[in-house]
Amino acid sequence: MRTILLLLISNVFMTIAWYGHLKHKGIPIWKAILLAWGIAFFEYCLMVPANRMGYASGFSGFQLKMTQEVITLVVFAVFAVLYLKEPFRWNYLVSFGLLLGAVYFMFKK
């Protein structure tokens, strides 16, 4: 559970680092890059331990990556709707459902 929680928090940081600048078009790109690097530092401080703990507790590398991707998409969906004010369309929901199916098969023995 700690692995999932750390992955979730790290993805919040990374989503802000990668996409938070999109609403601020007046900021020079070099400033956006430096700010993103600063935010991403905290993401790495959470992501690396999450992957280490997950791997040590029995997750495979494939399982860690697939779990991280699904968390990333969920975090991004919330961010896109609430911060970027983008609509959430039905086909996004179907796509997420298919990804959850992929996670199911990834963990199936």
N, C-alpha and C. Protein backbone atom coordinates (compact mmCIF):
# COMPACT_ATOMS: atom_id res chain seq x y z
N MET A 1 0.81 -1.19 0.00
CA MET A 1 0.00 0.00 0.00
C MET A 1 0.87 1.26 0.00
N ARG A 2 2.02 1.21 0.70
CA ARG A 2 2.92 2.37 0.70
C ARG A 2 3.42 2.67 -0.70
N THR A 3 3.67 1.62 -1.46
CA THR A 3 4.14 1.81 -2.83
C THR A 3 3.10 2.57 -3.64
N ILE A 4 1.85 2.18 -3.55
CA ILE A 4 0.78 2.83 -4.31
C ILE A 4 0.63 4.29 -3.87
N LEU A 5 0.67 4.53 -2.56
CA LEU A 5 0.54 5.90 -2.05
C LEU A 5 1.68 6.79 -2.52
N LEU A 6 2.90 6.28 -2.46
CA LEU A 6 4.05 7.06 -2.94
C LEU A 6 3.97 7.31 -4.44
N LEU A 7 3.53 6.30 -5.19
CA LEU A 7 3.36 6.49 -6.64
C LEU A 7 2.30 7.55 -6.93
N LEU A 8 1.24 7.54 -6.17
CA LEU A 8 0.17 8.53 -6.35
C LEU A 8 0.69 9.94 -6.09
N ILE A 9 1.34 10.14 -4.96
CA ILE A 9 1.85 11.48 -4.62
C ILE A 9 2.92 11.92 -5.62
N SER A 10 3.80 11.02 -6.00
CA SER A 10 4.85 11.39 -6.96
C SER A 10 4.24 11.79 -8.30
N ASN A 11 3.16 11.14 -8.69
CA ASN A 11 2.52 11.49 -9.96
C ASN A 11 1.81 12.83 -9.91
N VAL A 12 1.34 13.23 -8.74
CA VAL A 12 0.79 14.57 -8.60
C VAL A 12 1.88 15.60 -8.89
N PHE A 13 3.05 15.41 -8.30
CA PHE A 13 4.17 16.31 -8.55
C PHE A 13 4.55 16.33 -10.03
N MET A 14 4.63 15.14 -10.64
CA MET A 14 5.07 15.08 -12.03
C MET A 14 4.05 15.69 -12.98
N THR A 15 2.78 15.50 -12.70
CA THR A 15 1.76 16.11 -13.55
C THR A 15 1.84 17.63 -13.49
N ILE A 16 2.04 18.16 -12.30
CA ILE A 16 2.20 19.61 -12.16
C ILE A 16 3.46 20.07 -12.89
N ALA A 17 4.54 19.32 -12.76
CA ALA A 17 5.80 19.69 -13.42
C ALA A 17 5.65 19.70 -14.94
N TRP A 18 5.00 18.69 -15.49
CA TRP A 18 4.90 18.57 -16.95
C TRP A 18 3.82 19.44 -17.57
N TYR A 19 2.71 19.63 -16.85
CA TYR A 19 1.56 20.29 -17.48
C TYR A 19 1.10 21.56 -16.78
N GLY A 20 1.60 21.86 -15.62
CA GLY A 20 1.16 23.03 -14.88
C GLY A 20 1.41 24.35 -15.57
N HIS A 21 2.42 24.39 -16.40
CA HIS A 21 2.79 25.63 -17.10
C HIS A 21 1.90 25.93 -18.30
N LEU A 22 1.06 25.01 -18.72
CA LEU A 22 0.29 25.19 -19.95
C LEU A 22 -0.67 26.38 -19.90
N LYS A 23 -1.17 26.70 -18.72
CA LYS A 23 -2.07 27.84 -18.60
C LYS A 23 -1.31 29.17 -18.48
N HIS A 24 -0.02 29.12 -18.39
CA HIS A 24 0.80 30.32 -18.20
C HIS A 24 1.69 30.54 -19.42
N LYS A 25 1.07 30.92 -20.51
CA LYS A 25 1.79 31.04 -21.79
C LYS A 25 2.79 32.20 -21.81
N GLY A 26 2.65 33.15 -20.89
CA GLY A 26 3.54 34.30 -20.87
C GLY A 26 4.89 34.03 -20.24
N ILE A 27 5.03 32.89 -19.57
CA ILE A 27 6.31 32.55 -18.94
C ILE A 27 7.27 32.04 -20.01
N PRO A 28 8.48 32.58 -20.05
CA PRO A 28 9.46 32.06 -21.02
C PRO A 28 9.70 30.56 -20.81
N ILE A 29 9.97 29.87 -21.88
CA ILE A 29 10.13 28.41 -21.82
C ILE A 29 11.26 28.00 -20.89
N TRP A 30 12.33 28.77 -20.84
CA TRP A 30 13.44 28.39 -19.98
C TRP A 30 13.03 28.45 -18.50
N LYS A 31 12.17 29.38 -18.15
CA LYS A 31 11.68 29.45 -16.77
C LYS A 31 10.75 28.27 -16.48
N ALA A 32 9.92 27.93 -17.45
CA ALA A 32 9.02 26.79 -17.27
C ALA A 32 9.83 25.51 -17.08
N ILE A 33 10.91 25.37 -17.84
CA ILE A 33 11.76 24.18 -17.73
C ILE A 33 12.42 24.11 -16.36
N LEU A 34 12.98 25.22 -15.90
CA LEU A 34 13.64 25.22 -14.59
C LEU A 34 12.64 24.94 -13.47
N LEU A 35 11.46 25.54 -13.56
CA LEU A 35 10.44 25.29 -12.55
C LEU A 35 10.02 23.82 -12.57
N ALA A 36 9.85 23.27 -13.77
CA ALA A 36 9.46 21.86 -13.89
C ALA A 36 10.54 20.95 -13.31
N TRP A 37 11.80 21.26 -13.55
CA TRP A 37 12.89 20.46 -12.98
C TRP A 37 12.86 20.51 -11.45
N GLY A 38 12.60 21.69 -10.92
CA GLY A 38 12.52 21.82 -9.46
C GLY A 38 11.40 21.00 -8.87
N ILE A 39 10.25 21.00 -9.52
CA ILE A 39 9.11 20.22 -9.04
C ILE A 39 9.38 18.73 -9.23
N ALA A 40 9.99 18.37 -10.35
CA ALA A 40 10.26 16.96 -10.65
C ALA A 40 11.23 16.35 -9.65
N PHE A 41 12.09 17.16 -9.05
CA PHE A 41 13.00 16.65 -8.03
C PHE A 41 12.22 15.93 -6.93
N PHE A 42 11.13 16.57 -6.48
CA PHE A 42 10.33 15.97 -5.42
C PHE A 42 9.62 14.71 -5.90
N GLU A 43 9.25 14.70 -7.18
CA GLU A 43 8.65 13.50 -7.75
C GLU A 43 9.63 12.33 -7.67
N TYR A 44 10.88 12.58 -8.02
CA TYR A 44 11.88 11.52 -7.98
C TYR A 44 12.15 11.06 -6.55
N CYS A 45 12.08 11.99 -5.60
CA CYS A 45 12.30 11.63 -4.18
C CYS A 45 11.22 10.69 -3.66
N LEU A 46 10.09 10.63 -4.35
CA LEU A 46 9.01 9.72 -3.98
C LEU A 46 8.96 8.49 -4.89
N MET A 47 9.21 8.69 -6.18
CA MET A 47 9.09 7.60 -7.15
C MET A 47 10.17 6.53 -6.93
N VAL A 48 11.38 6.94 -6.69
CA VAL A 48 12.47 5.96 -6.53
C VAL A 48 12.22 5.06 -5.31
N PRO A 49 11.89 5.63 -4.14
CA PRO A 49 11.58 4.74 -3.01
C PRO A 49 10.34 3.88 -3.25
N ALA A 50 9.34 4.43 -3.93
CA ALA A 50 8.13 3.65 -4.22
C ALA A 50 8.49 2.42 -5.04
N ASN A 51 9.28 2.60 -6.08
CA ASN A 51 9.66 1.47 -6.92
C ASN A 51 10.55 0.48 -6.17
N ARG A 52 11.44 0.99 -5.35
CA ARG A 52 12.31 0.11 -4.58
C ARG A 52 11.53 -0.74 -3.59
N MET A 53 10.62 -0.07 -2.86
CA MET A 53 9.80 -0.81 -1.88
C MET A 53 8.88 -1.80 -2.59
N GLY A 54 8.28 -1.37 -3.69
CA GLY A 54 7.39 -2.26 -4.43
C GLY A 54 8.11 -3.48 -4.95
N TYR A 55 9.30 -3.27 -5.50
CA TYR A 55 10.08 -4.39 -6.05
C TYR A 55 10.49 -5.35 -4.93
N ALA A 56 10.91 -4.78 -3.79
CA ALA A 56 11.33 -5.61 -2.65
C ALA A 56 10.17 -6.39 -2.05
N SER A 57 8.95 -5.85 -2.20
CA SER A 57 7.79 -6.54 -1.61
C SER A 57 7.09 -7.48 -2.58
N GLY A 58 7.67 -7.67 -3.78
CA GLY A 58 7.15 -8.70 -4.67
C GLY A 58 6.56 -8.22 -5.99
N PHE A 59 6.45 -6.91 -6.21
CA PHE A 59 6.02 -6.43 -7.52
C PHE A 59 7.13 -6.71 -8.54
N SER A 60 6.76 -7.09 -9.74
CA SER A 60 7.77 -7.19 -10.80
C SER A 60 7.96 -5.79 -11.40
N GLY A 61 9.00 -5.62 -12.15
CA GLY A 61 9.21 -4.34 -12.84
C GLY A 61 8.05 -4.00 -13.76
N PHE A 62 7.54 -5.01 -14.47
CA PHE A 62 6.40 -4.80 -15.35
C PHE A 62 5.17 -4.35 -14.57
N GLN A 63 4.92 -4.98 -13.43
CA GLN A 63 3.77 -4.61 -12.62
C GLN A 63 3.90 -3.19 -12.07
N LEU A 64 5.10 -2.83 -11.64
CA LEU A 64 5.32 -1.46 -11.14
C LEU A 64 5.05 -0.43 -12.24
N LYS A 65 5.54 -0.70 -13.42
CA LYS A 65 5.37 0.25 -14.52
C LYS A 65 3.91 0.38 -14.92
N MET A 66 3.20 -0.72 -15.04
CA MET A 66 1.80 -0.67 -15.43
C MET A 66 0.98 0.05 -14.37
N THR A 67 1.26 -0.23 -13.10
CA THR A 67 0.56 0.44 -12.01
C THR A 67 0.83 1.94 -12.06
N GLN A 68 2.07 2.30 -12.28
CA GLN A 68 2.44 3.72 -12.35
C GLN A 68 1.74 4.41 -13.51
N GLU A 69 1.60 3.76 -14.64
CA GLU A 69 0.95 4.36 -15.80
C GLU A 69 -0.53 4.62 -15.54
N VAL A 70 -1.20 3.67 -14.90
CA VAL A 70 -2.62 3.86 -14.59
C VAL A 70 -2.79 5.00 -13.59
N ILE A 71 -1.94 5.04 -12.57
CA ILE A 71 -2.00 6.14 -11.60
C ILE A 71 -1.77 7.46 -12.31
N THR A 72 -0.80 7.50 -13.21
CA THR A 72 -0.50 8.73 -13.96
C THR A 72 -1.72 9.21 -14.73
N LEU A 73 -2.41 8.30 -15.39
CA LEU A 73 -3.58 8.69 -16.18
C LEU A 73 -4.73 9.17 -15.31
N VAL A 74 -4.93 8.54 -14.17
CA VAL A 74 -5.99 8.99 -13.27
C VAL A 74 -5.67 10.37 -12.73
N VAL A 75 -4.44 10.56 -12.28
CA VAL A 75 -4.03 11.87 -11.75
C VAL A 75 -4.16 12.92 -12.85
N PHE A 76 -3.71 12.59 -14.06
CA PHE A 76 -3.80 13.56 -15.15
C PHE A 76 -5.25 13.90 -15.49
N ALA A 77 -6.13 12.91 -15.47
CA ALA A 77 -7.53 13.16 -15.79
C ALA A 77 -8.13 14.16 -14.81
N VAL A 78 -7.86 13.98 -13.55
CA VAL A 78 -8.36 14.92 -12.53
C VAL A 78 -7.76 16.30 -12.76
N PHE A 79 -6.47 16.36 -13.03
CA PHE A 79 -5.77 17.62 -13.28
C PHE A 79 -6.33 18.33 -14.51
N ALA A 80 -6.54 17.59 -15.59
CA ALA A 80 -7.02 18.18 -16.84
C ALA A 80 -8.43 18.77 -16.67
N VAL A 81 -9.27 18.07 -15.92
CA VAL A 81 -10.63 18.56 -15.73
C VAL A 81 -10.66 19.74 -14.76
N LEU A 82 -9.97 19.62 -13.63
CA LEU A 82 -10.05 20.66 -12.60
C LEU A 82 -9.17 21.87 -12.88
N TYR A 83 -7.95 21.65 -13.36
CA TYR A 83 -7.01 22.76 -13.55
C TYR A 83 -7.04 23.31 -14.98
N LEU A 84 -6.96 22.43 -15.95
CA LEU A 84 -6.94 22.89 -17.35
C LEU A 84 -8.35 23.17 -17.88
N LYS A 85 -9.36 22.75 -17.12
CA LYS A 85 -10.77 22.96 -17.50
C LYS A 85 -11.11 22.31 -18.84
N GLU A 86 -10.55 21.13 -19.08
CA GLU A 86 -10.84 20.37 -20.29
C GLU A 86 -11.98 19.41 -20.02
N PRO A 87 -12.82 19.17 -21.01
CA PRO A 87 -13.93 18.24 -20.80
C PRO A 87 -13.44 16.80 -20.72
N PHE A 88 -14.15 16.01 -19.93
CA PHE A 88 -13.85 14.58 -19.85
C PHE A 88 -14.86 13.87 -20.73
N ARG A 89 -14.39 13.26 -21.80
CA ARG A 89 -15.28 12.63 -22.79
C ARG A 89 -15.42 11.14 -22.53
N TRP A 90 -16.48 10.58 -23.08
CA TRP A 90 -16.79 9.17 -22.87
C TRP A 90 -15.67 8.26 -23.36
N ASN A 91 -15.01 8.63 -24.46
CA ASN A 91 -13.96 7.75 -25.00
C ASN A 91 -12.74 7.69 -24.08
N TYR A 92 -12.52 8.73 -23.28
CA TYR A 92 -11.44 8.68 -22.28
C TYR A 92 -11.77 7.61 -21.23
N LEU A 93 -13.02 7.58 -20.82
CA LEU A 93 -13.45 6.59 -19.83
C LEU A 93 -13.29 5.17 -20.37
N VAL A 94 -13.65 4.96 -21.62
CA VAL A 94 -13.48 3.64 -22.24
C VAL A 94 -11.99 3.28 -22.30
N SER A 95 -11.17 4.24 -22.67
CA SER A 95 -9.72 4.01 -22.73
C SER A 95 -9.16 3.63 -21.37
N PHE A 96 -9.59 4.33 -20.33
CA PHE A 96 -9.14 4.00 -18.98
C PHE A 96 -9.59 2.60 -18.58
N GLY A 97 -10.81 2.24 -18.95
CA GLY A 97 -11.30 0.90 -18.66
C GLY A 97 -10.43 -0.17 -19.31
N LEU A 98 -10.02 0.07 -20.53
CA LEU A 98 -9.15 -0.88 -21.22
C LEU A 98 -7.79 -0.98 -20.53
N LEU A 99 -7.28 0.15 -20.06
CA LEU A 99 -6.02 0.11 -19.32
C LEU A 99 -6.15 -0.66 -18.01
N LEU A 100 -7.27 -0.49 -17.33
CA LEU A 100 -7.49 -1.26 -16.12
C LEU A 100 -7.55 -2.76 -16.43
N GLY A 101 -8.10 -3.09 -17.57
CA GLY A 101 -8.08 -4.49 -18.02
C GLY A 101 -6.65 -4.97 -18.21
N ALA A 102 -5.81 -4.11 -18.75
CA ALA A 102 -4.39 -4.46 -18.93
C ALA A 102 -3.72 -4.71 -17.58
N VAL A 103 -4.05 -3.89 -16.60
CA VAL A 103 -3.48 -4.09 -15.25
C VAL A 103 -3.97 -5.41 -14.67
N TYR A 104 -5.22 -5.72 -14.85
CA TYR A 104 -5.75 -6.98 -14.37
C TYR A 104 -4.94 -8.16 -14.92
N PHE A 105 -4.72 -8.15 -16.23
CA PHE A 105 -3.97 -9.26 -16.84
C PHE A 105 -2.50 -9.23 -16.46
N MET A 106 -1.96 -8.05 -16.18
CA MET A 106 -0.56 -7.95 -15.75
C MET A 106 -0.35 -8.66 -14.42
N PHE A 107 -1.33 -8.58 -13.52
CA PHE A 107 -1.19 -9.17 -12.20
C PHE A 107 -1.73 -10.60 -12.13
N LYS A 108 -2.36 -11.07 -13.17
CA LYS A 108 -2.92 -12.43 -13.17
C LYS A 108 -1.78 -13.44 -13.26
N LYS A 109 -1.85 -14.44 -12.40
CA LYS A 109 -0.80 -15.48 -12.37
C LYS A 109 -1.04 -16.50 -13.46
